[in-house]
Amino acid sequence: MTQATQPQQRGIQLTEAALKHVLALRQRQGKDLYLRVGVRQGGCSGMSYMMDFEDPSKVQEKDEVFDYEGFKIVCDPKSMLYLYGLVLDYSDAMIGGGFQFTNPNASQSCGCGKSFGV
């Protein structure tokens, strides 16, 4: 895992590799979008991670917003209960590559790394 950016200052930490990749993905969208990170019921361990780009106008007053060099990550308060301290990394490895979630709140996770239980 690459080192997270300023880990003590944010509830959701983003590594340099993850930041670089989400910036490239956002550029393909052609808009100044935020990245919404959250959880939902489902997955083989009970809860699954979700990520999607979102227009800034959809951010709610209660949402937490984290700034990474001008790029914003948004998380709703309910998801933040499960995600506080999460490190989001990215690997371009052929096997096991993609976004990787390291969640200190997860008591179990599935083999694919996309769902967890508390």
N, C-alpha and C. Protein backbone atom coordinates (compact mmCIF):
# COMPACT_ATOMS: atom_id res chain seq x y z
N MET A 1 0.85 -1.17 0.00
CA MET A 1 0.00 0.00 0.00
C MET A 1 0.89 1.23 0.00
N THR A 2 0.51 2.22 -0.75
CA THR A 2 1.26 3.47 -0.75
C THR A 2 0.83 4.30 0.44
N GLN A 3 1.66 5.25 0.81
CA GLN A 3 1.40 6.06 1.99
C GLN A 3 0.19 6.97 1.78
N ALA A 4 -0.66 7.05 2.80
CA ALA A 4 -1.86 7.89 2.73
C ALA A 4 -1.47 9.36 2.87
N THR A 5 -2.25 10.22 2.25
CA THR A 5 -1.98 11.65 2.32
C THR A 5 -2.51 12.21 3.63
N GLN A 6 -1.66 12.83 4.40
CA GLN A 6 -1.98 13.48 5.67
C GLN A 6 -2.99 12.68 6.50
N PRO A 7 -2.62 11.49 6.99
CA PRO A 7 -3.58 10.60 7.62
C PRO A 7 -4.26 11.15 8.87
N GLN A 8 -3.63 12.00 9.64
CA GLN A 8 -4.23 12.47 10.88
C GLN A 8 -5.34 13.50 10.65
N GLN A 9 -5.46 14.06 9.47
CA GLN A 9 -6.37 15.17 9.25
C GLN A 9 -7.70 14.78 8.62
N ARG A 10 -7.89 13.54 8.24
CA ARG A 10 -9.09 13.19 7.49
C ARG A 10 -9.71 11.90 7.99
N GLY A 11 -11.03 11.83 7.94
CA GLY A 11 -11.74 10.62 8.31
C GLY A 11 -11.59 9.53 7.27
N ILE A 12 -11.43 9.92 6.01
CA ILE A 12 -11.16 8.99 4.92
C ILE A 12 -9.83 9.41 4.30
N GLN A 13 -8.89 8.48 4.28
CA GLN A 13 -7.56 8.77 3.76
C GLN A 13 -7.44 8.24 2.34
N LEU A 14 -6.72 8.98 1.53
CA LEU A 14 -6.52 8.63 0.13
C LEU A 14 -5.03 8.56 -0.13
N THR A 15 -4.56 7.46 -0.71
CA THR A 15 -3.14 7.38 -1.04
C THR A 15 -2.88 8.19 -2.31
N GLU A 16 -1.63 8.47 -2.56
CA GLU A 16 -1.26 9.21 -3.78
C GLU A 16 -1.69 8.44 -5.02
N ALA A 17 -1.55 7.10 -4.99
CA ALA A 17 -1.94 6.28 -6.15
C ALA A 17 -3.45 6.38 -6.39
N ALA A 18 -4.24 6.33 -5.32
CA ALA A 18 -5.70 6.44 -5.46
C ALA A 18 -6.09 7.83 -5.95
N LEU A 19 -5.46 8.86 -5.41
CA LEU A 19 -5.76 10.23 -5.83
C LEU A 19 -5.46 10.40 -7.32
N LYS A 20 -4.32 9.91 -7.75
CA LYS A 20 -3.94 10.02 -9.16
C LYS A 20 -4.97 9.32 -10.06
N HIS A 21 -5.43 8.15 -9.64
CA HIS A 21 -6.37 7.40 -10.46
C HIS A 21 -7.75 8.06 -10.50
N VAL A 22 -8.26 8.53 -9.35
CA VAL A 22 -9.58 9.16 -9.37
C VAL A 22 -9.54 10.48 -10.13
N LEU A 23 -8.42 11.18 -10.09
CA LEU A 23 -8.31 12.41 -10.88
C LEU A 23 -8.35 12.10 -12.37
N ALA A 24 -7.71 11.02 -12.79
CA ALA A 24 -7.74 10.62 -14.20
C ALA A 24 -9.16 10.20 -14.61
N LEU A 25 -9.85 9.47 -13.74
CA LEU A 25 -11.23 9.06 -14.03
C LEU A 25 -12.15 10.27 -14.12
N ARG A 26 -11.97 11.22 -13.20
CA ARG A 26 -12.81 12.42 -13.22
C ARG A 26 -12.55 13.23 -14.48
N GLN A 27 -11.31 13.31 -14.91
CA GLN A 27 -10.99 14.07 -16.12
C GLN A 27 -11.73 13.49 -17.33
N ARG A 28 -11.86 12.17 -17.38
CA ARG A 28 -12.60 11.54 -18.48
C ARG A 28 -14.08 11.93 -18.47
N GLN A 29 -14.61 12.24 -17.29
CA GLN A 29 -16.01 12.66 -17.17
C GLN A 29 -16.22 14.05 -17.75
N GLY A 30 -15.16 14.86 -17.77
CA GLY A 30 -15.23 16.19 -18.34
C GLY A 30 -15.93 17.21 -17.47
N LYS A 31 -16.13 16.89 -16.19
CA LYS A 31 -16.81 17.80 -15.27
C LYS A 31 -16.04 17.86 -13.96
N ASP A 32 -16.31 18.92 -13.19
CA ASP A 32 -15.71 19.05 -11.86
C ASP A 32 -16.61 18.31 -10.86
N LEU A 33 -16.41 17.02 -10.73
CA LEU A 33 -17.25 16.18 -9.89
C LEU A 33 -16.55 15.82 -8.59
N TYR A 34 -17.33 15.51 -7.57
CA TYR A 34 -16.81 15.00 -6.31
C TYR A 34 -16.90 13.48 -6.34
N LEU A 35 -16.14 12.83 -5.47
CA LEU A 35 -16.22 11.38 -5.33
C LEU A 35 -17.01 11.07 -4.07
N ARG A 36 -18.16 10.42 -4.22
CA ARG A 36 -18.94 10.01 -3.06
C ARG A 36 -18.52 8.59 -2.69
N VAL A 37 -18.16 8.41 -1.42
CA VAL A 37 -17.78 7.11 -0.87
C VAL A 37 -18.79 6.78 0.22
N GLY A 38 -19.27 5.55 0.23
CA GLY A 38 -20.24 5.16 1.24
C GLY A 38 -20.33 3.66 1.37
N VAL A 39 -21.31 3.23 2.15
CA VAL A 39 -21.57 1.80 2.34
C VAL A 39 -23.05 1.54 2.11
N ARG A 40 -23.36 0.30 1.77
CA ARG A 40 -24.76 -0.12 1.66
C ARG A 40 -24.83 -1.58 2.10
N GLN A 41 -26.03 -2.00 2.46
CA GLN A 41 -26.23 -3.39 2.85
C GLN A 41 -25.99 -4.28 1.64
N GLY A 42 -25.33 -5.39 1.86
CA GLY A 42 -25.10 -6.33 0.77
C GLY A 42 -23.67 -6.82 0.75
N GLY A 43 -23.37 -7.62 -0.22
CA GLY A 43 -22.04 -8.21 -0.31
C GLY A 43 -21.96 -9.47 0.54
N CYS A 44 -20.94 -10.23 0.35
CA CYS A 44 -20.83 -11.52 1.04
C CYS A 44 -20.49 -11.38 2.52
N SER A 45 -20.09 -10.19 2.98
CA SER A 45 -19.77 -10.00 4.39
C SER A 45 -20.79 -9.12 5.12
N GLY A 46 -21.84 -8.69 4.44
CA GLY A 46 -22.89 -7.91 5.10
C GLY A 46 -23.02 -6.48 4.63
N MET A 47 -21.91 -5.82 4.37
CA MET A 47 -21.93 -4.44 3.88
C MET A 47 -20.95 -4.33 2.73
N SER A 48 -21.27 -3.49 1.76
CA SER A 48 -20.35 -3.31 0.64
C SER A 48 -20.02 -1.83 0.46
N TYR A 49 -18.84 -1.60 -0.04
CA TYR A 49 -18.39 -0.24 -0.32
C TYR A 49 -19.03 0.25 -1.61
N MET A 50 -19.28 1.54 -1.68
CA MET A 50 -19.76 2.14 -2.92
C MET A 50 -18.97 3.42 -3.19
N MET A 51 -18.72 3.66 -4.45
CA MET A 51 -18.04 4.88 -4.88
C MET A 51 -18.64 5.31 -6.20
N ASP A 52 -18.86 6.61 -6.33
CA ASP A 52 -19.37 7.13 -7.59
C ASP A 52 -19.09 8.63 -7.64
N PHE A 53 -18.94 9.14 -8.84
CA PHE A 53 -18.78 10.58 -8.99
C PHE A 53 -20.15 11.24 -8.84
N GLU A 54 -20.12 12.46 -8.30
CA GLU A 54 -21.37 13.17 -8.01
C GLU A 54 -21.19 14.66 -8.27
N ASP A 55 -22.22 15.28 -8.78
CA ASP A 55 -22.21 16.72 -8.99
C ASP A 55 -22.19 17.42 -7.63
N PRO A 56 -21.37 18.46 -7.48
CA PRO A 56 -21.30 19.17 -6.19
C PRO A 56 -22.64 19.67 -5.68
N SER A 57 -23.59 19.94 -6.57
CA SER A 57 -24.90 20.44 -6.15
C SER A 57 -25.71 19.40 -5.38
N LYS A 58 -25.31 18.13 -5.43
CA LYS A 58 -26.03 17.07 -4.73
C LYS A 58 -25.52 16.82 -3.32
N VAL A 59 -24.47 17.50 -2.93
CA VAL A 59 -23.92 17.33 -1.59
C VAL A 59 -24.91 17.88 -0.57
N GLN A 60 -25.20 17.08 0.45
CA GLN A 60 -26.13 17.47 1.50
C GLN A 60 -25.40 18.21 2.62
N GLU A 61 -26.14 19.00 3.37
CA GLU A 61 -25.56 19.80 4.45
C GLU A 61 -24.88 18.93 5.50
N LYS A 62 -25.42 17.72 5.77
CA LYS A 62 -24.86 16.84 6.81
C LYS A 62 -23.67 16.02 6.31
N ASP A 63 -23.43 16.00 5.01
CA ASP A 63 -22.32 15.21 4.46
C ASP A 63 -20.98 15.73 4.96
N GLU A 64 -20.04 14.82 5.12
CA GLU A 64 -18.65 15.20 5.41
C GLU A 64 -17.95 15.36 4.07
N VAL A 65 -17.16 16.43 3.94
CA VAL A 65 -16.42 16.70 2.70
C VAL A 65 -14.94 16.79 3.05
N PHE A 66 -14.13 16.02 2.35
CA PHE A 66 -12.68 16.01 2.56
C PHE A 66 -12.01 16.53 1.31
N ASP A 67 -11.07 17.45 1.48
CA ASP A 67 -10.39 18.08 0.35
C ASP A 67 -9.00 17.49 0.18
N TYR A 68 -8.70 17.07 -1.02
CA TYR A 68 -7.38 16.54 -1.38
C TYR A 68 -6.85 17.36 -2.54
N GLU A 69 -6.10 18.39 -2.22
CA GLU A 69 -5.48 19.22 -3.25
C GLU A 69 -6.50 19.70 -4.27
N GLY A 70 -7.69 20.11 -3.80
CA GLY A 70 -8.73 20.59 -4.69
C GLY A 70 -9.72 19.54 -5.14
N PHE A 71 -9.43 18.27 -4.92
CA PHE A 71 -10.36 17.19 -5.24
C PHE A 71 -11.13 16.85 -3.98
N LYS A 72 -12.44 16.72 -4.08
CA LYS A 72 -13.27 16.52 -2.90
C LYS A 72 -13.87 15.12 -2.85
N ILE A 73 -13.83 14.55 -1.64
CA ILE A 73 -14.48 13.28 -1.34
C ILE A 73 -15.64 13.60 -0.40
N VAL A 74 -16.79 12.99 -0.66
CA VAL A 74 -17.99 13.23 0.13
C VAL A 74 -18.45 11.91 0.75
N CYS A 75 -18.91 11.98 2.00
CA CYS A 75 -19.43 10.79 2.68
C CYS A 75 -20.60 11.19 3.56
N ASP A 76 -21.68 10.41 3.51
CA ASP A 76 -22.83 10.71 4.36
C ASP A 76 -22.53 10.29 5.81
N PRO A 77 -23.21 10.88 6.79
CA PRO A 77 -22.90 10.61 8.20
C PRO A 77 -23.07 9.14 8.60
N LYS A 78 -24.09 8.46 8.08
CA LYS A 78 -24.30 7.06 8.44
C LYS A 78 -23.14 6.19 7.94
N SER A 79 -22.71 6.41 6.70
CA SER A 79 -21.58 5.65 6.17
C SER A 79 -20.30 5.97 6.93
N MET A 80 -20.15 7.22 7.36
CA MET A 80 -18.93 7.62 8.06
C MET A 80 -18.75 6.83 9.36
N LEU A 81 -19.85 6.39 9.98
CA LEU A 81 -19.74 5.56 11.18
C LEU A 81 -18.95 4.29 10.89
N TYR A 82 -19.07 3.76 9.69
CA TYR A 82 -18.39 2.52 9.31
C TYR A 82 -17.06 2.76 8.59
N LEU A 83 -16.87 3.98 8.09
CA LEU A 83 -15.70 4.25 7.25
C LEU A 83 -14.63 5.12 7.91
N TYR A 84 -14.88 5.66 9.09
CA TYR A 84 -13.90 6.55 9.70
C TYR A 84 -12.55 5.84 9.84
N GLY A 85 -11.52 6.44 9.30
CA GLY A 85 -10.18 5.85 9.32
C GLY A 85 -9.86 5.02 8.08
N LEU A 86 -10.82 4.89 7.16
CA LEU A 86 -10.61 4.12 5.93
C LEU A 86 -9.45 4.68 5.12
N VAL A 87 -8.64 3.79 4.59
CA VAL A 87 -7.59 4.17 3.64
C VAL A 87 -7.98 3.59 2.29
N LEU A 88 -8.12 4.46 1.32
CA LEU A 88 -8.45 4.05 -0.05
C LEU A 88 -7.18 4.10 -0.88
N ASP A 89 -6.78 2.96 -1.42
CA ASP A 89 -5.57 2.85 -2.21
C ASP A 89 -5.95 2.36 -3.61
N TYR A 90 -5.00 2.41 -4.52
CA TYR A 90 -5.22 1.91 -5.87
C TYR A 90 -3.97 1.18 -6.33
N SER A 91 -4.19 0.04 -6.98
CA SER A 91 -3.09 -0.73 -7.55
C SER A 91 -3.44 -1.06 -8.99
N ASP A 92 -2.45 -0.93 -9.88
CA ASP A 92 -2.69 -1.29 -11.28
C ASP A 92 -2.15 -2.69 -11.59
N ALA A 93 -1.97 -3.51 -10.56
CA ALA A 93 -1.51 -4.88 -10.75
C ALA A 93 -2.52 -5.67 -11.57
N MET A 94 -2.03 -6.58 -12.40
CA MET A 94 -2.92 -7.37 -13.24
C MET A 94 -3.79 -8.31 -12.41
N ILE A 95 -3.25 -8.83 -11.33
CA ILE A 95 -4.02 -9.70 -10.44
C ILE A 95 -4.18 -8.96 -9.12
N GLY A 96 -5.42 -8.78 -8.71
CA GLY A 96 -5.69 -8.10 -7.44
C GLY A 96 -5.61 -6.59 -7.53
N GLY A 97 -5.59 -6.05 -8.73
CA GLY A 97 -5.51 -4.60 -8.89
C GLY A 97 -6.85 -3.93 -8.72
N GLY A 98 -6.84 -2.62 -8.78
CA GLY A 98 -8.05 -1.82 -8.62
C GLY A 98 -8.01 -1.07 -7.30
N PHE A 99 -9.17 -0.54 -6.91
CA PHE A 99 -9.24 0.16 -5.64
C PHE A 99 -9.21 -0.85 -4.51
N GLN A 100 -8.48 -0.49 -3.45
CA GLN A 100 -8.34 -1.37 -2.30
C GLN A 100 -8.72 -0.58 -1.05
N PHE A 101 -9.56 -1.18 -0.22
CA PHE A 101 -10.07 -0.55 0.98
C PHE A 101 -9.42 -1.18 2.21
N THR A 102 -8.80 -0.35 3.05
CA THR A 102 -8.29 -0.81 4.33
C THR A 102 -9.11 -0.10 5.39
N ASN A 103 -9.98 -0.87 6.04
CA ASN A 103 -10.95 -0.30 6.96
C ASN A 103 -10.68 -0.80 8.38
N PRO A 104 -10.28 0.10 9.30
CA PRO A 104 -9.99 -0.33 10.67
C PRO A 104 -11.25 -0.75 11.43
N ASN A 105 -12.42 -0.44 10.92
CA ASN A 105 -13.68 -0.78 11.60
C ASN A 105 -14.21 -2.15 11.20
N ALA A 106 -13.64 -2.76 10.17
CA ALA A 106 -14.13 -4.04 9.67
C ALA A 106 -13.58 -5.18 10.52
N SER A 107 -14.50 -6.02 11.03
CA SER A 107 -14.07 -7.19 11.78
C SER A 107 -13.84 -8.38 10.86
N GLN A 108 -14.40 -8.31 9.66
CA GLN A 108 -14.20 -9.34 8.64
C GLN A 108 -14.38 -8.71 7.27
N SER A 109 -13.77 -9.32 6.28
CA SER A 109 -13.97 -8.86 4.90
C SER A 109 -13.91 -10.07 3.99
N CYS A 110 -14.49 -9.91 2.81
CA CYS A 110 -14.51 -11.03 1.87
C CYS A 110 -13.20 -11.06 1.08
N GLY A 111 -13.01 -12.10 0.34
CA GLY A 111 -11.79 -12.26 -0.44
C GLY A 111 -11.60 -11.21 -1.51
N CYS A 112 -12.70 -10.69 -2.05
CA CYS A 112 -12.58 -9.69 -3.11
C CYS A 112 -12.23 -8.31 -2.55
N GLY A 113 -12.42 -8.11 -1.24
CA GLY A 113 -12.08 -6.83 -0.61
C GLY A 113 -13.10 -5.73 -0.83
N LYS A 114 -14.25 -6.06 -1.40
CA LYS A 114 -15.26 -5.04 -1.70
C LYS A 114 -16.41 -5.04 -0.71
N SER A 115 -16.43 -6.00 0.21
CA SER A 115 -17.46 -5.99 1.25
C SER A 115 -16.83 -6.34 2.59
N PHE A 116 -17.55 -6.00 3.67
CA PHE A 116 -17.00 -6.18 5.00
C PHE A 116 -18.12 -6.35 6.01
N GLY A 117 -17.77 -6.77 7.20
CA GLY A 117 -18.70 -6.87 8.31
C GLY A 117 -18.11 -6.19 9.52
N VAL A 118 -18.98 -5.73 10.42
CA VAL A 118 -18.52 -5.06 11.64
C VAL A 118 -18.99 -5.81 12.87
